[in-house]
Amino acid sequence: MVFKDNLRINRFPWPKVLKISYKRSSFFIKIRPGEQEQYESTIGFKLPSYRAAKKLWKVCVEHHTFFRLTSAESIPKHRFLSLGSKFRYSGRTQAQTRHASALIDRPAPQFERTASKRASRSLDG
């Protein structure tokens, strides 16, 4: 989500995000075309510094891996020639966390329901 003065001005659901990148102090998101659009669109954001752009990129990579992938990509052991970043998310994904949680054998919580008060629907009280 993108906010300006506490007002949400845009949001980018993970299924629509094709690519996230940064160059110098700019951060870019490439978005899948919508129903009425024919072409992909790239939205850019100017950040205060190179480090801020890189930090935002890293956070987005982590969130994308957590929410969209079933498992994190394994890191190759030997790379002779590598292009791009070596940064990889190494934690569990949402799918892995849900699966692990489902395997935990725990008793159902015990609770007692009580009748709730009915509020009057009349306008005069």
N, C-alpha and C. Protein backbone atom coordinates (compact mmCIF):
# COMPACT_ATOMS: atom_id res chain seq x y z
N MET A 1 0.83 -1.18 0.00
CA MET A 1 0.00 0.00 0.00
C MET A 1 0.88 1.24 0.00
N VAL A 2 0.41 2.25 -0.66
CA VAL A 2 1.13 3.51 -0.72
C VAL A 2 0.25 4.58 -0.07
N PHE A 3 0.83 5.27 0.90
CA PHE A 3 0.11 6.32 1.63
C PHE A 3 0.76 7.67 1.37
N LYS A 4 -0.08 8.71 1.35
CA LYS A 4 0.40 10.08 1.28
C LYS A 4 -0.47 10.88 2.23
N ASP A 5 0.16 11.48 3.24
CA ASP A 5 -0.57 12.25 4.26
C ASP A 5 -1.69 11.41 4.89
N ASN A 6 -1.36 10.20 5.31
CA ASN A 6 -2.29 9.26 5.95
C ASN A 6 -3.48 8.87 5.07
N LEU A 7 -3.37 9.06 3.77
CA LEU A 7 -4.42 8.68 2.84
C LEU A 7 -3.85 7.63 1.89
N ARG A 8 -4.53 6.49 1.78
CA ARG A 8 -4.05 5.44 0.88
C ARG A 8 -4.30 5.87 -0.56
N ILE A 9 -3.23 5.99 -1.33
CA ILE A 9 -3.38 6.44 -2.72
C ILE A 9 -3.22 5.30 -3.72
N ASN A 10 -2.65 4.17 -3.29
CA ASN A 10 -2.49 3.04 -4.20
C ASN A 10 -2.21 1.78 -3.42
N ARG A 11 -2.47 0.64 -4.03
CA ARG A 11 -2.09 -0.64 -3.45
C ARG A 11 -1.71 -1.59 -4.57
N PHE A 12 -0.82 -2.51 -4.26
CA PHE A 12 -0.31 -3.45 -5.25
C PHE A 12 -0.45 -4.87 -4.71
N PRO A 13 -1.54 -5.58 -5.04
CA PRO A 13 -1.68 -6.96 -4.56
C PRO A 13 -0.57 -7.83 -5.14
N TRP A 14 -0.03 -8.76 -4.34
CA TRP A 14 1.09 -9.58 -4.80
C TRP A 14 0.82 -10.32 -6.11
N PRO A 15 -0.39 -10.82 -6.38
CA PRO A 15 -0.60 -11.51 -7.66
C PRO A 15 -0.39 -10.61 -8.88
N LYS A 16 -0.53 -9.30 -8.71
CA LYS A 16 -0.34 -8.38 -9.84
C LYS A 16 1.10 -7.92 -10.02
N VAL A 17 1.95 -8.15 -9.03
CA VAL A 17 3.33 -7.68 -9.09
C VAL A 17 4.17 -8.66 -9.90
N LEU A 18 4.78 -8.17 -10.98
CA LEU A 18 5.63 -9.00 -11.82
C LEU A 18 7.10 -8.89 -11.44
N LYS A 19 7.54 -7.69 -11.08
CA LYS A 19 8.95 -7.48 -10.79
C LYS A 19 9.11 -6.32 -9.82
N ILE A 20 10.06 -6.46 -8.91
CA ILE A 20 10.43 -5.35 -8.03
C ILE A 20 11.92 -5.13 -8.18
N SER A 21 12.31 -3.88 -8.27
CA SER A 21 13.73 -3.58 -8.46
C SER A 21 14.04 -2.19 -7.91
N TYR A 22 15.33 -1.90 -7.84
CA TYR A 22 15.77 -0.57 -7.44
C TYR A 22 17.03 -0.22 -8.22
N LYS A 23 17.21 1.06 -8.43
CA LYS A 23 18.41 1.57 -9.09
C LYS A 23 18.70 2.91 -8.46
N ARG A 24 19.89 3.02 -7.89
CA ARG A 24 20.29 4.19 -7.13
C ARG A 24 19.25 4.45 -6.04
N SER A 25 18.64 5.61 -6.01
CA SER A 25 17.67 5.89 -4.95
C SER A 25 16.23 5.77 -5.45
N SER A 26 16.03 5.04 -6.53
CA SER A 26 14.68 4.83 -7.06
C SER A 26 14.26 3.37 -6.88
N PHE A 27 12.99 3.18 -6.59
CA PHE A 27 12.41 1.85 -6.39
C PHE A 27 11.31 1.67 -7.43
N PHE A 28 11.27 0.50 -8.08
CA PHE A 28 10.32 0.26 -9.17
C PHE A 28 9.50 -1.00 -8.93
N ILE A 29 8.21 -0.93 -9.31
CA ILE A 29 7.32 -2.08 -9.27
C ILE A 29 6.71 -2.23 -10.66
N LYS A 30 6.89 -3.41 -11.26
CA LYS A 30 6.26 -3.69 -12.55
C LYS A 30 4.98 -4.47 -12.27
N ILE A 31 3.86 -3.95 -12.81
CA ILE A 31 2.53 -4.48 -12.53
C ILE A 31 1.95 -5.16 -13.76
N ARG A 32 1.30 -6.29 -13.52
CA ARG A 32 0.59 -7.04 -14.57
C ARG A 32 -0.55 -6.16 -15.11
N PRO A 33 -0.82 -6.22 -16.40
CA PRO A 33 -1.91 -5.40 -16.94
C PRO A 33 -3.27 -5.81 -16.36
N GLY A 34 -4.12 -4.82 -16.14
CA GLY A 34 -5.46 -5.07 -15.62
C GLY A 34 -6.40 -5.52 -16.73
N GLU A 35 -7.68 -5.63 -16.41
CA GLU A 35 -8.66 -6.10 -17.38
C GLU A 35 -8.81 -5.14 -18.56
N GLN A 36 -8.76 -3.84 -18.31
CA GLN A 36 -8.91 -2.85 -19.37
C GLN A 36 -7.58 -2.41 -19.97
N GLU A 37 -6.48 -2.90 -19.44
CA GLU A 37 -5.17 -2.47 -19.91
C GLU A 37 -4.55 -3.54 -20.81
N GLN A 38 -3.71 -3.08 -21.73
CA GLN A 38 -3.08 -4.01 -22.66
C GLN A 38 -1.61 -4.25 -22.30
N TYR A 39 -0.98 -3.29 -21.64
CA TYR A 39 0.45 -3.39 -21.38
C TYR A 39 0.75 -3.38 -19.88
N GLU A 40 1.90 -3.96 -19.56
CA GLU A 40 2.40 -3.89 -18.18
C GLU A 40 2.75 -2.45 -17.87
N SER A 41 2.65 -2.08 -16.60
CA SER A 41 3.04 -0.73 -16.23
C SER A 41 4.09 -0.79 -15.13
N THR A 42 5.01 0.15 -15.16
CA THR A 42 6.05 0.25 -14.14
C THR A 42 5.85 1.54 -13.37
N ILE A 43 5.77 1.40 -12.05
CA ILE A 43 5.59 2.55 -11.18
C ILE A 43 6.89 2.77 -10.42
N GLY A 44 7.38 3.99 -10.41
CA GLY A 44 8.63 4.30 -9.73
C GLY A 44 8.42 5.22 -8.54
N PHE A 45 9.27 5.05 -7.55
CA PHE A 45 9.23 5.88 -6.35
C PHE A 45 10.63 6.40 -6.08
N LYS A 46 10.76 7.67 -5.80
CA LYS A 46 12.04 8.28 -5.45
C LYS A 46 12.19 8.24 -3.95
N LEU A 47 13.27 7.64 -3.48
CA LEU A 47 13.53 7.54 -2.05
C LEU A 47 14.67 8.47 -1.67
N PRO A 48 14.83 8.74 -0.38
CA PRO A 48 15.87 9.69 0.05
C PRO A 48 17.30 9.24 -0.26
N SER A 49 17.53 7.91 -0.32
CA SER A 49 18.90 7.44 -0.53
C SER A 49 18.90 6.07 -1.19
N TYR A 50 20.08 5.67 -1.62
CA TYR A 50 20.29 4.34 -2.19
C TYR A 50 19.96 3.28 -1.15
N ARG A 51 20.40 3.50 0.09
CA ARG A 51 20.16 2.52 1.16
C ARG A 51 18.67 2.35 1.44
N ALA A 52 17.91 3.43 1.38
CA ALA A 52 16.46 3.34 1.61
C ALA A 52 15.79 2.53 0.50
N ALA A 53 16.22 2.75 -0.75
CA ALA A 53 15.68 1.99 -1.88
C ALA A 53 16.01 0.51 -1.75
N LYS A 54 17.24 0.21 -1.36
CA LYS A 54 17.65 -1.18 -1.21
C LYS A 54 16.89 -1.85 -0.07
N LYS A 55 16.69 -1.14 1.03
CA LYS A 55 15.96 -1.69 2.18
C LYS A 55 14.51 -1.99 1.80
N LEU A 56 13.87 -1.07 1.08
CA LEU A 56 12.50 -1.29 0.64
C LEU A 56 12.43 -2.49 -0.30
N TRP A 57 13.39 -2.61 -1.21
CA TRP A 57 13.46 -3.75 -2.12
C TRP A 57 13.58 -5.06 -1.34
N LYS A 58 14.46 -5.09 -0.34
CA LYS A 58 14.66 -6.31 0.46
C LYS A 58 13.38 -6.70 1.20
N VAL A 59 12.71 -5.72 1.78
CA VAL A 59 11.47 -5.99 2.51
C VAL A 59 10.42 -6.55 1.55
N CYS A 60 10.34 -5.99 0.35
CA CYS A 60 9.37 -6.48 -0.64
C CYS A 60 9.69 -7.91 -1.08
N VAL A 61 10.97 -8.22 -1.28
CA VAL A 61 11.37 -9.58 -1.65
C VAL A 61 10.96 -10.56 -0.55
N GLU A 62 11.19 -10.18 0.70
CA GLU A 62 10.83 -11.05 1.83
C GLU A 62 9.32 -11.25 1.90
N HIS A 63 8.55 -10.18 1.77
CA HIS A 63 7.10 -10.29 1.84
C HIS A 63 6.56 -11.11 0.67
N HIS A 64 7.10 -10.88 -0.52
CA HIS A 64 6.64 -11.63 -1.69
C HIS A 64 6.90 -13.12 -1.50
N THR A 65 8.09 -13.47 -1.03
CA THR A 65 8.43 -14.88 -0.80
C THR A 65 7.52 -15.47 0.27
N PHE A 66 7.30 -14.75 1.35
CA PHE A 66 6.47 -15.26 2.44
C PHE A 66 5.03 -15.51 1.99
N PHE A 67 4.42 -14.55 1.31
CA PHE A 67 3.01 -14.66 0.99
C PHE A 67 2.69 -15.40 -0.31
N ARG A 68 3.58 -15.41 -1.28
CA ARG A 68 3.25 -15.96 -2.59
C ARG A 68 3.83 -17.34 -2.88
N LEU A 69 4.98 -17.68 -2.32
CA LEU A 69 5.61 -18.95 -2.65
C LEU A 69 5.25 -20.02 -1.63
N THR A 70 5.24 -21.28 -2.09
CA THR A 70 4.95 -22.38 -1.16
C THR A 70 6.19 -22.73 -0.34
N SER A 71 7.37 -22.49 -0.90
CA SER A 71 8.61 -22.70 -0.15
C SER A 71 9.66 -21.71 -0.66
N ALA A 72 10.58 -21.35 0.21
CA ALA A 72 11.64 -20.41 -0.18
C ALA A 72 12.59 -21.10 -1.15
N GLU A 73 13.13 -20.33 -2.07
CA GLU A 73 14.07 -20.89 -3.05
C GLU A 73 15.34 -21.33 -2.34
N SER A 74 15.84 -22.50 -2.74
CA SER A 74 17.09 -22.96 -2.14
C SER A 74 18.26 -22.20 -2.76
N ILE A 75 19.28 -21.99 -1.97
CA ILE A 75 20.45 -21.24 -2.42
C ILE A 75 21.41 -22.21 -3.09
N PRO A 76 21.77 -21.96 -4.36
CA PRO A 76 22.71 -22.85 -5.04
C PRO A 76 24.07 -22.85 -4.33
N LYS A 77 24.70 -24.03 -4.28
CA LYS A 77 25.98 -24.17 -3.57
C LYS A 77 27.11 -23.45 -4.30
N HIS A 78 27.25 -23.72 -5.59
CA HIS A 78 28.36 -23.15 -6.35
C HIS A 78 27.83 -22.33 -7.52
N ARG A 79 28.28 -21.13 -7.59
CA ARG A 79 27.93 -20.26 -8.72
C ARG A 79 29.23 -19.79 -9.35
N PHE A 80 29.39 -20.13 -10.58
CA PHE A 80 30.59 -19.67 -11.26
C PHE A 80 30.44 -18.21 -11.66
N LEU A 81 29.34 -17.91 -12.29
CA LEU A 81 29.07 -16.54 -12.72
C LEU A 81 27.65 -16.20 -12.31
N SER A 82 27.49 -15.18 -11.51
CA SER A 82 26.14 -14.82 -11.08
C SER A 82 25.86 -13.37 -11.40
N LEU A 83 24.67 -13.14 -11.90
CA LEU A 83 24.20 -11.78 -12.17
C LEU A 83 23.10 -11.45 -11.18
N GLY A 84 23.00 -10.22 -10.80
CA GLY A 84 21.95 -9.81 -9.88
C GLY A 84 22.35 -9.98 -8.43
N SER A 85 21.37 -9.88 -7.59
CA SER A 85 21.61 -9.91 -6.15
C SER A 85 21.75 -11.34 -5.64
N LYS A 86 22.53 -11.49 -4.58
CA LYS A 86 22.67 -12.78 -3.91
C LYS A 86 21.68 -12.90 -2.76
N PHE A 87 20.91 -11.86 -2.50
CA PHE A 87 19.97 -11.85 -1.39
C PHE A 87 18.83 -12.83 -1.65
N ARG A 88 18.55 -13.69 -0.68
CA ARG A 88 17.45 -14.64 -0.75
C ARG A 88 16.78 -14.70 0.62
N TYR A 89 15.47 -14.79 0.61
CA TYR A 89 14.71 -14.97 1.85
C TYR A 89 14.93 -16.40 2.32
N SER A 90 15.23 -16.57 3.61
CA SER A 90 15.56 -17.91 4.09
C SER A 90 14.58 -18.44 5.14
N GLY A 91 13.57 -17.67 5.50
CA GLY A 91 12.62 -18.12 6.52
C GLY A 91 11.53 -19.01 5.94
N ARG A 92 10.58 -19.39 6.81
CA ARG A 92 9.45 -20.19 6.34
C ARG A 92 8.44 -19.29 5.64
N THR A 93 7.73 -19.85 4.69
CA THR A 93 6.69 -19.12 3.99
C THR A 93 5.36 -19.29 4.73
N GLN A 94 4.36 -18.53 4.31
CA GLN A 94 3.04 -18.63 4.93
C GLN A 94 2.48 -20.04 4.75
N ALA A 95 2.66 -20.63 3.57
CA ALA A 95 2.17 -21.99 3.32
C ALA A 95 2.85 -22.99 4.25
N GLN A 96 4.15 -22.87 4.43
CA GLN A 96 4.88 -23.77 5.32
C GLN A 96 4.44 -23.58 6.77
N THR A 97 4.20 -22.35 7.17
CA THR A 97 3.77 -22.07 8.54
C THR A 97 2.37 -22.64 8.79
N ARG A 98 1.47 -22.47 7.83
CA ARG A 98 0.12 -23.03 7.98
C ARG A 98 0.17 -24.55 8.06
N HIS A 99 0.99 -25.17 7.22
CA HIS A 99 1.12 -26.62 7.22
C HIS A 99 1.65 -27.10 8.57
N ALA A 100 2.69 -26.45 9.08
CA ALA A 100 3.27 -26.84 10.37
C ALA A 100 2.25 -26.65 11.50
N SER A 101 1.46 -25.59 11.43
CA SER A 101 0.46 -25.33 12.45
C SER A 101 -0.64 -26.39 12.43
N ALA A 102 -1.00 -26.85 11.24
CA ALA A 102 -2.04 -27.88 11.11
C ALA A 102 -1.59 -29.21 11.70
N LEU A 103 -0.29 -29.45 11.75
CA LEU A 103 0.24 -30.71 12.27
C LEU A 103 0.28 -30.75 13.80
N ILE A 104 0.11 -29.62 14.45
CA ILE A 104 0.15 -29.56 15.92
C ILE A 104 -1.15 -30.14 16.46
N ASP A 105 -1.03 -31.14 17.32
CA ASP A 105 -2.21 -31.77 17.92
C ASP A 105 -2.53 -31.06 19.22
N ARG A 106 -3.60 -30.30 19.22
CA ARG A 106 -3.99 -29.59 20.43
C ARG A 106 -5.49 -29.75 20.64
N PRO A 107 -5.91 -29.78 21.90
CA PRO A 107 -7.35 -29.94 22.17
C PRO A 107 -8.12 -28.69 21.78
N ALA A 108 -9.38 -28.91 21.42
CA ALA A 108 -10.24 -27.78 21.07
C ALA A 108 -10.49 -26.94 22.32
N PRO A 109 -10.54 -25.63 22.21
CA PRO A 109 -10.78 -24.79 23.39
C PRO A 109 -12.19 -25.00 23.94
N GLN A 110 -12.31 -24.97 25.25
CA GLN A 110 -13.60 -25.11 25.91
C GLN A 110 -14.15 -23.72 26.23
N PHE A 111 -15.38 -23.47 25.84
CA PHE A 111 -16.00 -22.19 26.16
C PHE A 111 -17.51 -22.40 26.27
N GLU A 112 -18.16 -21.48 26.93
CA GLU A 112 -19.60 -21.57 27.13
C GLU A 112 -20.25 -20.33 26.53
N ARG A 113 -21.24 -20.56 25.71
CA ARG A 113 -21.94 -19.43 25.10
C ARG A 113 -23.01 -18.91 26.05
N THR A 114 -23.16 -17.61 26.05
CA THR A 114 -24.22 -16.99 26.84
C THR A 114 -25.12 -16.20 25.90
N ALA A 115 -26.36 -16.09 26.27
CA ALA A 115 -27.30 -15.34 25.45
C ALA A 115 -26.94 -13.86 25.49
N SER A 116 -26.99 -13.23 24.35
CA SER A 116 -26.68 -11.80 24.32
C SER A 116 -27.97 -10.99 24.46
N LYS A 117 -27.83 -9.76 24.91
CA LYS A 117 -28.99 -8.88 25.06
C LYS A 117 -29.45 -8.45 23.68
N ARG A 118 -30.73 -8.38 23.52
CA ARG A 118 -31.31 -7.90 22.27
C ARG A 118 -31.53 -6.40 22.37
N ALA A 119 -31.05 -5.66 21.41
CA ALA A 119 -31.24 -4.21 21.39
C ALA A 119 -32.56 -3.90 20.71
N SER A 120 -33.22 -2.88 21.19
CA SER A 120 -34.48 -2.46 20.59
C SER A 120 -34.21 -1.83 19.24
N ARG A 121 -35.04 -2.17 18.26
CA ARG A 121 -34.85 -1.62 16.92
C ARG A 121 -35.69 -0.37 16.67
N SER A 122 -36.44 0.05 17.62
CA SER A 122 -37.27 1.23 17.41
C SER A 122 -36.42 2.49 17.47
N LEU A 123 -36.84 3.50 16.75
CA LEU A 123 -36.09 4.76 16.69
C LEU A 123 -36.33 5.64 17.92
N ASP A 124 -37.45 5.45 18.59
CA ASP A 124 -37.75 6.32 19.72
C ASP A 124 -37.23 5.78 21.04
N GLY A 125 -36.52 4.70 21.02
CA GLY A 125 -35.85 4.29 22.22
C GLY A 125 -36.38 3.07 22.82
